[in-house]
Amino acid sequence: MDSTAIIVAVITAVGGIIASILHLFRKENREDHAIVTEQIRLVHRSVNRIGDKVDSHLIWHSEGQHGTTTRRDQKRTAID
């Protein structure tokens, strides 16, 4: 058997193994990317909700409803 043929076969086999390993890493990377993307979306929604609450609170203050009574006091008065 020719030594050239053996070398070519070994190179082809090693190349196939490397290609398979790279394919696995790419698949894992896509899965990790999907997980990270979803987590970023969750954080984004949370930040937006907090921003909305802060905006509402600032409006509450700007409308002059921050006098001596608290919301809890206002609720108690409404109940009584």
PDB file of N, CA and C in Angstrom:
ATOM      1  N   MET A   1       0.842  -1.173   0.000  1.00  0.00           N
ATOM      2  CA  MET A   1       0.000   0.000   0.000  1.00  0.00           C
ATOM      3  C   MET A   1       0.887   1.234   0.000  1.00  0.00           C
ATOM      4  N   ASP A   2       0.429   2.231  -0.660  1.00  0.00           N
ATOM      5  CA  ASP A   2       1.203   3.453  -0.820  1.00  0.00           C
ATOM      6  C   ASP A   2       1.077   4.305   0.439  1.00  0.00           C
ATOM      7  N   SER A   3       2.186   4.876   0.905  1.00  0.00           N
ATOM      8  CA  SER A   3       2.172   5.702   2.115  1.00  0.00           C
ATOM      9  C   SER A   3       1.392   6.995   1.885  1.00  0.00           C
ATOM     10  N   THR A   4       1.341   7.468   0.673  1.00  0.00           N
ATOM     11  CA  THR A   4       0.574   8.675   0.361  1.00  0.00           C
ATOM     12  C   THR A   4      -0.909   8.446   0.622  1.00  0.00           C
ATOM     13  N   ALA A   5      -1.400   7.299   0.242  1.00  0.00           N
ATOM     14  CA  ALA A   5      -2.806   6.980   0.451  1.00  0.00           C
ATOM     15  C   ALA A   5      -3.132   6.920   1.946  1.00  0.00           C
ATOM     16  N   ILE A   6      -2.235   6.401   2.729  1.00  0.00           N
ATOM     17  CA  ILE A   6      -2.434   6.314   4.181  1.00  0.00           C
ATOM     18  C   ILE A   6      -2.468   7.722   4.784  1.00  0.00           C
ATOM     19  N   ILE A   7      -1.555   8.566   4.364  1.00  0.00           N
ATOM     20  CA  ILE A   7      -1.501   9.937   4.883  1.00  0.00           C
ATOM     21  C   ILE A   7      -2.784  10.689   4.519  1.00  0.00           C
ATOM     22  N   VAL A   8      -3.232  10.533   3.285  1.00  0.00           N
ATOM     23  CA  VAL A   8      -4.463  11.184   2.843  1.00  0.00           C
ATOM     24  C   VAL A   8      -5.662  10.676   3.657  1.00  0.00           C
ATOM     25  N   ALA A   9      -5.708   9.387   3.915  1.00  0.00           N
ATOM     26  CA  ALA A   9      -6.805   8.811   4.691  1.00  0.00           C
ATOM     27  C   ALA A   9      -6.793   9.334   6.123  1.00  0.00           C
ATOM     28  N   VAL A  10      -5.610   9.444   6.718  1.00  0.00           N
ATOM     29  CA  VAL A  10      -5.495   9.952   8.093  1.00  0.00           C
ATOM     30  C   VAL A  10      -5.925  11.418   8.145  1.00  0.00           C
ATOM     31  N   ILE A  11      -5.467  12.213   7.182  1.00  0.00           N
ATOM     32  CA  ILE A  11      -5.839  13.631   7.142  1.00  0.00           C
ATOM     33  C   ILE A  11      -7.346  13.774   6.979  1.00  0.00           C
ATOM     34  N   THR A  12      -7.940  12.968   6.115  1.00  0.00           N
ATOM     35  CA  THR A  12      -9.387  13.012   5.907  1.00  0.00           C
ATOM     36  C   THR A  12     -10.132  12.626   7.180  1.00  0.00           C
ATOM     37  N   ALA A  13      -9.673  11.603   7.867  1.00  0.00           N
ATOM     38  CA  ALA A  13     -10.321  11.159   9.100  1.00  0.00           C
ATOM     39  C   ALA A  13     -10.222  12.231  10.178  1.00  0.00           C
ATOM     40  N   VAL A  14      -9.033  12.801  10.342  1.00  0.00           N
ATOM     41  CA  VAL A  14      -8.841  13.851  11.349  1.00  0.00           C
ATOM     42  C   VAL A  14      -9.694  15.071  10.991  1.00  0.00           C
ATOM     43  N   GLY A  15      -9.753  15.425   9.716  1.00  0.00           N
ATOM     44  CA  GLY A  15     -10.583  16.546   9.280  1.00  0.00           C
ATOM     45  C   GLY A  15     -12.053  16.297   9.566  1.00  0.00           C
ATOM     46  N   GLY A  16     -12.511  15.073   9.349  1.00  0.00           N
ATOM     47  CA  GLY A  16     -13.901  14.719   9.640  1.00  0.00           C
ATOM     48  C   GLY A  16     -14.216  14.830  11.122  1.00  0.00           C
ATOM     49  N   ILE A  17     -13.297  14.392  11.949  1.00  0.00           N
ATOM     50  CA  ILE A  17     -13.483  14.467  13.406  1.00  0.00           C
ATOM     51  C   ILE A  17     -13.534  15.928  13.850  1.00  0.00           C
ATOM     52  N   ILE A  18     -12.620  16.737  13.339  1.00  0.00           N
ATOM     53  CA  ILE A  18     -12.595  18.163  13.698  1.00  0.00           C
ATOM     54  C   ILE A  18     -13.895  18.842  13.249  1.00  0.00           C
ATOM     55  N   ALA A  19     -14.360  18.523  12.044  1.00  0.00           N
ATOM     56  CA  ALA A  19     -15.607  19.109  11.549  1.00  0.00           C
ATOM     57  C   ALA A  19     -16.785  18.714  12.438  1.00  0.00           C
ATOM     58  N   SER A  20     -16.817  17.469  12.888  1.00  0.00           N
ATOM     59  CA  SER A  20     -17.902  17.016  13.770  1.00  0.00           C
ATOM     60  C   SER A  20     -17.880  17.756  15.105  1.00  0.00           C
ATOM     61  N   ILE A  21     -16.708  17.936  15.650  1.00  0.00           N
ATOM     62  CA  ILE A  21     -16.571  18.640  16.929  1.00  0.00           C
ATOM     63  C   ILE A  21     -17.006  20.095  16.774  1.00  0.00           C
ATOM     64  N   LEU A  22     -16.592  20.740  15.690  1.00  0.00           N
ATOM     65  CA  LEU A  22     -16.990  22.131  15.453  1.00  0.00           C
ATOM     66  C   LEU A  22     -18.502  22.253  15.298  1.00  0.00           C
ATOM     67  N   HIS A  23     -19.110  21.285  14.650  1.00  0.00           N
ATOM     68  CA  HIS A  23     -20.563  21.289  14.484  1.00  0.00           C
ATOM     69  C   HIS A  23     -21.261  21.205  15.841  1.00  0.00           C
ATOM     70  N   LEU A  24     -20.745  20.365  16.727  1.00  0.00           N
ATOM     71  CA  LEU A  24     -21.325  20.256  18.077  1.00  0.00           C
ATOM     72  C   LEU A  24     -21.202  21.574  18.840  1.00  0.00           C
ATOM     73  N   PHE A  25     -20.048  22.221  18.717  1.00  0.00           N
ATOM     74  CA  PHE A  25     -19.854  23.501  19.398  1.00  0.00           C
ATOM     75  C   PHE A  25     -20.802  24.559  18.853  1.00  0.00           C
ATOM     76  N   ARG A  26     -21.020  24.567  17.548  1.00  0.00           N
ATOM     77  CA  ARG A  26     -21.942  25.541  16.961  1.00  0.00           C
ATOM     78  C   ARG A  26     -23.364  25.303  17.456  1.00  0.00           C
ATOM     79  N   LYS A  27     -23.758  24.044  17.548  1.00  0.00           N
ATOM     80  CA  LYS A  27     -25.103  23.723  18.037  1.00  0.00           C
ATOM     81  C   LYS A  27     -25.262  24.182  19.487  1.00  0.00           C
ATOM     82  N   GLU A  28     -24.251  23.900  20.296  1.00  0.00           N
ATOM     83  CA  GLU A  28     -24.288  24.309  21.699  1.00  0.00           C
ATOM     84  C   GLU A  28     -24.314  25.836  21.802  1.00  0.00           C
ATOM     85  N   ASN A  29     -23.551  26.501  20.953  1.00  0.00           N
ATOM     86  CA  ASN A  29     -23.516  27.959  20.965  1.00  0.00           C
ATOM     87  C   ASN A  29     -24.889  28.531  20.610  1.00  0.00           C
ATOM     88  N   ARG A  30     -25.583  27.943  19.640  1.00  0.00           N
ATOM     89  CA  ARG A  30     -26.920  28.413  19.279  1.00  0.00           C
ATOM     90  C   ARG A  30     -27.889  28.236  20.443  1.00  0.00           C
ATOM     91  N   GLU A  31     -27.803  27.119  21.122  1.00  0.00           N
ATOM     92  CA  GLU A  31     -28.685  26.877  22.269  1.00  0.00           C
ATOM     93  C   GLU A  31     -28.400  27.877  23.393  1.00  0.00           C
ATOM     94  N   ASP A  32     -27.117  28.107  23.674  1.00  0.00           N
ATOM     95  CA  ASP A  32     -26.753  29.087  24.702  1.00  0.00           C
ATOM     96  C   ASP A  32     -27.221  30.480  24.312  1.00  0.00           C
ATOM     97  N   HIS A  33     -27.081  30.816  23.051  1.00  0.00           N
ATOM     98  CA  HIS A  33     -27.512  32.123  22.568  1.00  0.00           C
ATOM     99  C   HIS A  33     -29.023  32.298  22.757  1.00  0.00           C
ATOM    100  N   ALA A  34     -29.772  31.268  22.486  1.00  0.00           N
ATOM    101  CA  ALA A  34     -31.233  31.339  22.659  1.00  0.00           C
ATOM    102  C   ALA A  34     -31.600  31.559  24.126  1.00  0.00           C
ATOM    103  N   ILE A  35     -30.905  30.895  25.023  1.00  0.00           N
ATOM    104  CA  ILE A  35     -31.169  31.048  26.462  1.00  0.00           C
ATOM    105  C   ILE A  35     -30.848  32.472  26.905  1.00  0.00           C
ATOM    106  N   VAL A  36     -29.699  32.974  26.481  1.00  0.00           N
ATOM    107  CA  VAL A  36     -29.289  34.327  26.868  1.00  0.00           C
ATOM    108  C   VAL A  36     -30.268  35.360  26.299  1.00  0.00           C
ATOM    109  N   THR A  37     -30.686  35.168  25.063  1.00  0.00           N
ATOM    110  CA  THR A  37     -31.637  36.086  24.444  1.00  0.00           C
ATOM    111  C   THR A  37     -32.940  36.141  25.234  1.00  0.00           C
ATOM    112  N   GLU A  38     -33.442  35.001  25.659  1.00  0.00           N
ATOM    113  CA  GLU A  38     -34.675  34.966  26.444  1.00  0.00           C
ATOM    114  C   GLU A  38     -34.492  35.669  27.790  1.00  0.00           C
ATOM    115  N   GLN A  39     -33.350  35.471  28.421  1.00  0.00           N
ATOM    116  CA  GLN A  39     -33.090  36.134  29.704  1.00  0.00           C
ATOM    117  C   GLN A  39     -33.031  37.645  29.527  1.00  0.00           C
ATOM    118  N   ILE A  40     -32.429  38.102  28.437  1.00  0.00           N
ATOM    119  CA  ILE A  40     -32.368  39.538  28.167  1.00  0.00           C
ATOM    120  C   ILE A  40     -33.775  40.089  27.957  1.00  0.00           C
ATOM    121  N   ARG A  41     -34.627  39.343  27.277  1.00  0.00           N
ATOM    122  CA  ARG A  41     -36.018  39.788  27.089  1.00  0.00           C
ATOM    123  C   ARG A  41     -36.738  39.918  28.427  1.00  0.00           C
ATOM    124  N   LEU A  42     -36.521  38.962  29.324  1.00  0.00           N
ATOM    125  CA  LEU A  42     -37.154  39.025  30.644  1.00  0.00           C
ATOM    126  C   LEU A  42     -36.676  40.247  31.425  1.00  0.00           C
ATOM    127  N   VAL A  43     -35.382  40.509  31.382  1.00  0.00           N
ATOM    128  CA  VAL A  43     -34.836  41.679  32.079  1.00  0.00           C
ATOM    129  C   VAL A  43     -35.413  42.947  31.468  1.00  0.00           C
ATOM    130  N   HIS A  44     -35.507  42.993  30.165  1.00  0.00           N
ATOM    131  CA  HIS A  44     -36.049  44.164  29.470  1.00  0.00           C
ATOM    132  C   HIS A  44     -37.486  44.435  29.917  1.00  0.00           C
ATOM    133  N   ARG A  45     -38.309  43.397  29.980  1.00  0.00           N
ATOM    134  CA  ARG A  45     -39.696  43.570  30.425  1.00  0.00           C
ATOM    135  C   ARG A  45     -39.752  44.067  31.869  1.00  0.00           C
ATOM    136  N   SER A  46     -38.878  43.523  32.723  1.00  0.00           N
ATOM    137  CA  SER A  46     -38.861  43.950  34.127  1.00  0.00           C
ATOM    138  C   SER A  46     -38.466  45.413  34.247  1.00  0.00           C
ATOM    139  N   VAL A  47     -37.461  45.811  33.489  1.00  0.00           N
ATOM    140  CA  VAL A  47     -37.016  47.199  33.528  1.00  0.00           C
ATOM    141  C   VAL A  47     -38.138  48.119  33.042  1.00  0.00           C
ATOM    142  N   ASN A  48     -38.838  47.715  32.001  1.00  0.00           N
ATOM    143  CA  ASN A  48     -39.949  48.532  31.511  1.00  0.00           C
ATOM    144  C   ASN A  48     -41.049  48.673  32.555  1.00  0.00           C
ATOM    145  N   ARG A  49     -41.372  47.573  33.247  1.00  0.00           N
ATOM    146  CA  ARG A  49     -42.403  47.640  34.290  1.00  0.00           C
ATOM    147  C   ARG A  49     -41.976  48.570  35.421  1.00  0.00           C
ATOM    148  N   ILE A  50     -40.717  48.466  35.815  1.00  0.00           N
ATOM    149  CA  ILE A  50     -40.219  49.335  36.884  1.00  0.00           C
ATOM    150  C   ILE A  50     -40.250  50.790  36.419  1.00  0.00           C
ATOM    151  N   GLY A  51     -39.868  51.014  35.157  1.00  0.00           N
ATOM    152  CA  GLY A  51     -39.918  52.372  34.606  1.00  0.00           C
ATOM    153  C   GLY A  51     -41.324  52.929  34.627  1.00  0.00           C
ATOM    154  N   ASP A  52     -42.295  52.103  34.284  1.00  0.00           N
ATOM    155  CA  ASP A  52     -43.693  52.537  34.321  1.00  0.00           C
ATOM    156  C   ASP A  52     -44.117  52.891  35.745  1.00  0.00           C
ATOM    157  N   LYS A  53     -43.679  52.093  36.710  1.00  0.00           N
ATOM    158  CA  LYS A  53     -44.031  52.370  38.109  1.00  0.00           C
ATOM    159  C   LYS A  53     -43.395  53.675  38.583  1.00  0.00           C
ATOM    160  N   VAL A  54     -42.145  53.896  38.188  1.00  0.00           N
ATOM    161  CA  VAL A  54     -41.464  55.136  38.577  1.00  0.00           C
ATOM    162  C   VAL A  54     -42.168  56.328  37.937  1.00  0.00           C
ATOM    163  N   ASP A  55     -42.516  56.199  36.658  1.00  0.00           N
ATOM    164  CA  ASP A  55     -43.244  57.280  35.989  1.00  0.00           C
ATOM    165  C   ASP A  55     -44.546  57.590  36.715  1.00  0.00           C
ATOM    166  N   SER A  56     -45.295  56.563  37.061  1.00  0.00           N
ATOM    167  CA  SER A  56     -46.562  56.761  37.786  1.00  0.00           C
ATOM    168  C   SER A  56     -46.327  57.441  39.119  1.00  0.00           C
ATOM    169  N   HIS A  57     -45.276  57.029  39.794  1.00  0.00           N
ATOM    170  CA  HIS A  57     -44.972  57.608  41.105  1.00  0.00           C
ATOM    171  C   HIS A  57     -44.596  59.084  40.959  1.00  0.00           C
ATOM    172  N   LEU A  58     -43.811  59.409  39.942  1.00  0.00           N
ATOM    173  CA  LEU A  58     -43.431  60.803  39.727  1.00  0.00           C
ATOM    174  C   LEU A  58     -44.653  61.656  39.381  1.00  0.00           C
ATOM    175  N   ILE A  59     -45.557  61.101  38.590  1.00  0.00           N
ATOM    176  CA  ILE A  59     -46.794  61.821  38.273  1.00  0.00           C
ATOM    177  C   ILE A  59     -47.604  62.037  39.543  1.00  0.00           C
ATOM    178  N   TRP A  60     -47.664  61.020  40.373  1.00  0.00           N
ATOM    179  CA  TRP A  60     -48.382  61.122  41.651  1.00  0.00           C
ATOM    180  C   TRP A  60     -47.825  62.285  42.470  1.00  0.00           C
ATOM    181  N   HIS A  61     -46.477  62.389  42.507  1.00  0.00           N
ATOM    182  CA  HIS A  61     -45.854  63.483  43.250  1.00  0.00           C
ATOM    183  C   HIS A  61     -46.146  64.827  42.587  1.00  0.00           C
ATOM    184  N   SER A  62     -46.072  64.886  41.278  1.00  0.00           N
ATOM    185  CA  SER A  62     -46.252  66.162  40.585  1.00  0.00           C
ATOM    186  C   SER A  62     -47.678  66.674  40.677  1.00  0.00           C
ATOM    187  N   GLU A  63     -48.639  65.801  40.920  1.00  0.00           N
ATOM    188  CA  GLU A  63     -50.031  66.219  41.043  1.00  0.00           C
ATOM    189  C   GLU A  63     -50.349  66.708  42.459  1.00  0.00           C
ATOM    190  N   GLY A  64     -49.352  66.747  43.309  1.00  0.00           N
ATOM    191  CA  GLY A  64     -49.549  67.296  44.646  1.00  0.00           C
ATOM    192  C   GLY A  64     -50.203  66.349  45.613  1.00  0.00           C
ATOM    193  N   GLN A  65     -50.224  65.088  45.336  1.00  0.00           N
ATOM    194  CA  GLN A  65     -50.870  64.114  46.219  1.00  0.00           C
ATOM    195  C   GLN A  65     -49.888  63.553  47.239  1.00  0.00           C
ATOM    196  N   HIS A  66     -48.815  64.252  47.440  1.00  0.00           N
ATOM    197  CA  HIS A  66     -47.801  63.754  48.376  1.00  0.00           C
ATOM    198  C   HIS A  66     -47.839  64.517  49.701  1.00  0.00           C
ATOM    199  N   GLY A  67     -48.997  65.030  50.032  1.00  0.00           N
ATOM    200  CA  GLY A  67     -49.158  65.809  51.260  1.00  0.00           C
ATOM    201  C   GLY A  67     -48.874  64.989  52.501  1.00  0.00           C
ATOM    202  N   THR A  68     -49.597  65.278  53.547  1.00  0.00           N
ATOM    203  CA  THR A  68     -49.329  64.640  54.830  1.00  0.00           C
ATOM    204  C   THR A  68     -49.923  63.245  54.931  1.00  0.00           C
ATOM    205  N   THR A  69     -50.854  62.912  54.052  1.00  0.00           N
ATOM    206  CA  THR A  69     -51.444  61.582  54.129  1.00  0.00           C
ATOM    207  C   THR A  69     -50.734  60.644  53.170  1.00  0.00           C
ATOM    208  N   THR A  70     -50.664  59.414  53.551  1.00  0.00           N
ATOM    209  CA  THR A  70     -50.055  58.397  52.710  1.00  0.00           C
ATOM    210  C   THR A  70     -51.144  57.634  51.982  1.00  0.00           C
ATOM    211  N   ARG A  71     -50.767  56.815  51.068  1.00  0.00           N
ATOM    212  CA  ARG A  71     -51.760  55.988  50.368  1.00  0.00           C
ATOM    213  C   ARG A  71     -52.489  55.086  51.356  1.00  0.00           C
ATOM    214  N   ARG A  72     -51.765  54.581  52.338  1.00  0.00           N
ATOM    215  CA  ARG A  72     -52.381  53.721  53.336  1.00  0.00           C
ATOM    216  C   ARG A  72     -53.441  54.495  54.108  1.00  0.00           C
ATOM    217  N   ASP A  73     -53.122  55.763  54.454  1.00  0.00           N
ATOM    218  CA  ASP A  73     -54.093  56.604  55.147  1.00  0.00           C
ATOM    219  C   ASP A  73     -55.309  56.866  54.267  1.00  0.00           C
ATOM    220  N   GLN A  74     -55.084  57.098  52.970  1.00  0.00           N
ATOM    221  CA  GLN A  74     -56.178  57.339  52.054  1.00  0.00           C
ATOM    222  C   GLN A  74     -57.081  56.110  51.940  1.00  0.00           C
ATOM    223  N   LYS A  75     -56.489  54.944  51.918  1.00  0.00           N
ATOM    224  CA  LYS A  75     -57.276  53.703  51.855  1.00  0.00           C
ATOM    225  C   LYS A  75     -58.104  53.533  53.138  1.00  0.00           C
ATOM    226  N   ARG A  76     -57.481  53.832  54.289  1.00  0.00           N
ATOM    227  CA  ARG A  76     -58.211  53.706  55.551  1.00  0.00           C
ATOM    228  C   ARG A  76     -59.387  54.661  55.590  1.00  0.00           C
ATOM    229  N   THR A  77     -59.183  55.879  55.111  1.00  0.00           N
ATOM    230  CA  THR A  77     -60.253  56.884  55.096  1.00  0.00           C
ATOM    231  C   THR A  77     -61.382  56.424  54.178  1.00  0.00           C
ATOM    232  N   ALA A  78     -61.030  55.845  53.064  1.00  0.00           N
ATOM    233  CA  ALA A  78     -62.051  55.373  52.112  1.00  0.00           C
ATOM    234  C   ALA A  78     -62.850  54.234  52.723  1.00  0.00           C
ATOM    235  N   ILE A  79     -62.226  53.391  53.518  1.00  0.00           N
ATOM    236  CA  ILE A  79     -62.901  52.256  54.138  1.00  0.00           C
ATOM    237  C   ILE A  79     -63.815  52.721  55.261  1.00  0.00           C
ATOM    238  N   ASP A  80     -63.333  53.714  56.040  1.00  0.00           N
ATOM    239  CA  ASP A  80     -64.114  54.203  57.187  1.00  0.00           C
ATOM    240  C   ASP A  80     -65.295  54.950  56.718  1.00  0.00           C
TER     241      ASP A  80
END
